[in-house]
Amino acid sequence: MSHIIRNEKGVLLPAAMLLLLIVCLSLFATTAAYQSKYRTYDSLEISNINATINKIDNFNERENNLDM
């Protein structure tokens, strides 16, 4: 193992940089996927809240029209 570490051909640095690049890209991809999923759930929540508010308003308007 020490022979690989003492390799003077310069293979270890590019290999380490390649590994770092792969790890960083996978981390960024995972973070981007999480953000996308979170935004989707957030927009669905807002949409459902707005739909619920509209249904409650419609129900209240019908109740008010029936009382008159």
Protein backbone atom coordinates (compact mmCIF):
# COMPACT_ATOMS: atom_id res chain seq x y z
CA MET A 1 0.00 0.00 0.00
CA SER A 2 2.83 2.41 0.73
CA HIS A 3 4.06 1.86 -2.83
CA ILE A 4 0.82 3.40 -4.16
CA ILE A 5 1.11 6.38 -1.82
CA ARG A 6 4.73 6.98 -2.83
CA ASN A 7 3.89 6.69 -6.50
CA GLU A 8 5.93 9.32 -8.31
CA LYS A 9 4.05 8.99 -11.59
CA GLY A 10 1.47 11.45 -10.36
CA VAL A 11 -1.56 9.15 -10.48
CA LEU A 12 -2.72 9.67 -6.92
CA LEU A 13 -3.55 13.38 -7.21
CA PRO A 14 -5.73 13.07 -10.33
CA ALA A 15 -7.46 10.04 -8.83
CA ALA A 16 -8.17 11.96 -5.63
CA MET A 17 -9.45 14.94 -7.62
CA LEU A 18 -11.70 12.66 -9.68
CA LEU A 19 -13.09 11.07 -6.53
CA LEU A 20 -13.71 14.52 -5.03
CA LEU A 21 -15.49 15.61 -8.22
CA ILE A 22 -17.72 12.52 -8.17
CA VAL A 23 -18.59 13.00 -4.50
CA CYS A 24 -19.35 16.71 -4.99
CA LEU A 25 -21.50 16.10 -8.06
CA SER A 26 -23.48 13.39 -6.32
CA LEU A 27 -23.97 15.66 -3.31
CA PHE A 28 -25.17 18.52 -5.53
CA ALA A 29 -27.49 16.19 -7.45
CA THR A 30 -29.00 14.86 -4.22
CA THR A 31 -29.49 18.38 -2.89
CA ALA A 32 -31.11 19.54 -6.12
CA ALA A 33 -33.48 16.56 -6.13
CA TYR A 34 -34.44 17.25 -2.52
CA GLN A 35 -35.10 20.93 -3.25
CA SER A 36 -37.23 20.04 -6.26
CA LYS A 37 -39.28 17.57 -4.25
CA TYR A 38 -39.68 20.08 -1.41
CA ARG A 39 -40.87 22.78 -3.81
CA THR A 40 -43.38 20.36 -5.33
CA TYR A 41 -44.81 19.45 -1.92
CA ASP A 42 -44.88 23.10 -0.89
CA SER A 43 -46.78 24.14 -4.02
CA LEU A 44 -49.23 21.25 -3.54
CA GLU A 45 -49.81 22.33 0.04
CA ILE A 46 -50.49 25.94 -0.99
CA SER A 47 -52.80 24.75 -3.77
CA ASN A 48 -54.77 22.53 -1.39
CA ILE A 49 -55.03 25.31 1.19
CA ASN A 50 -56.38 27.69 -1.45
CA ALA A 51 -58.89 25.09 -2.66
CA THR A 52 -60.06 24.53 0.93
CA ILE A 53 -60.48 28.26 1.48
CA ASN A 54 -62.52 28.53 -1.72
CA LYS A 55 -64.77 25.64 -0.68
CA ILE A 56 -65.34 27.17 2.75
CA ASP A 57 -66.17 30.53 1.15
CA ASN A 58 -68.62 28.85 -1.25
CA PHE A 59 -70.24 26.99 1.64
CA ASN A 60 -70.57 30.21 3.66
CA GLU A 61 -72.10 32.03 0.67
CA ARG A 62 -74.68 29.24 0.22
CA GLU A 63 -75.53 29.36 3.92
CA ASN A 64 -75.94 33.12 3.75
CA ASN A 65 -78.18 32.84 0.65
CA LEU A 66 -80.36 30.22 2.35
CA ASP A 67 -80.78 32.40 5.47
CA MET A 68 -82.15 35.30 3.40
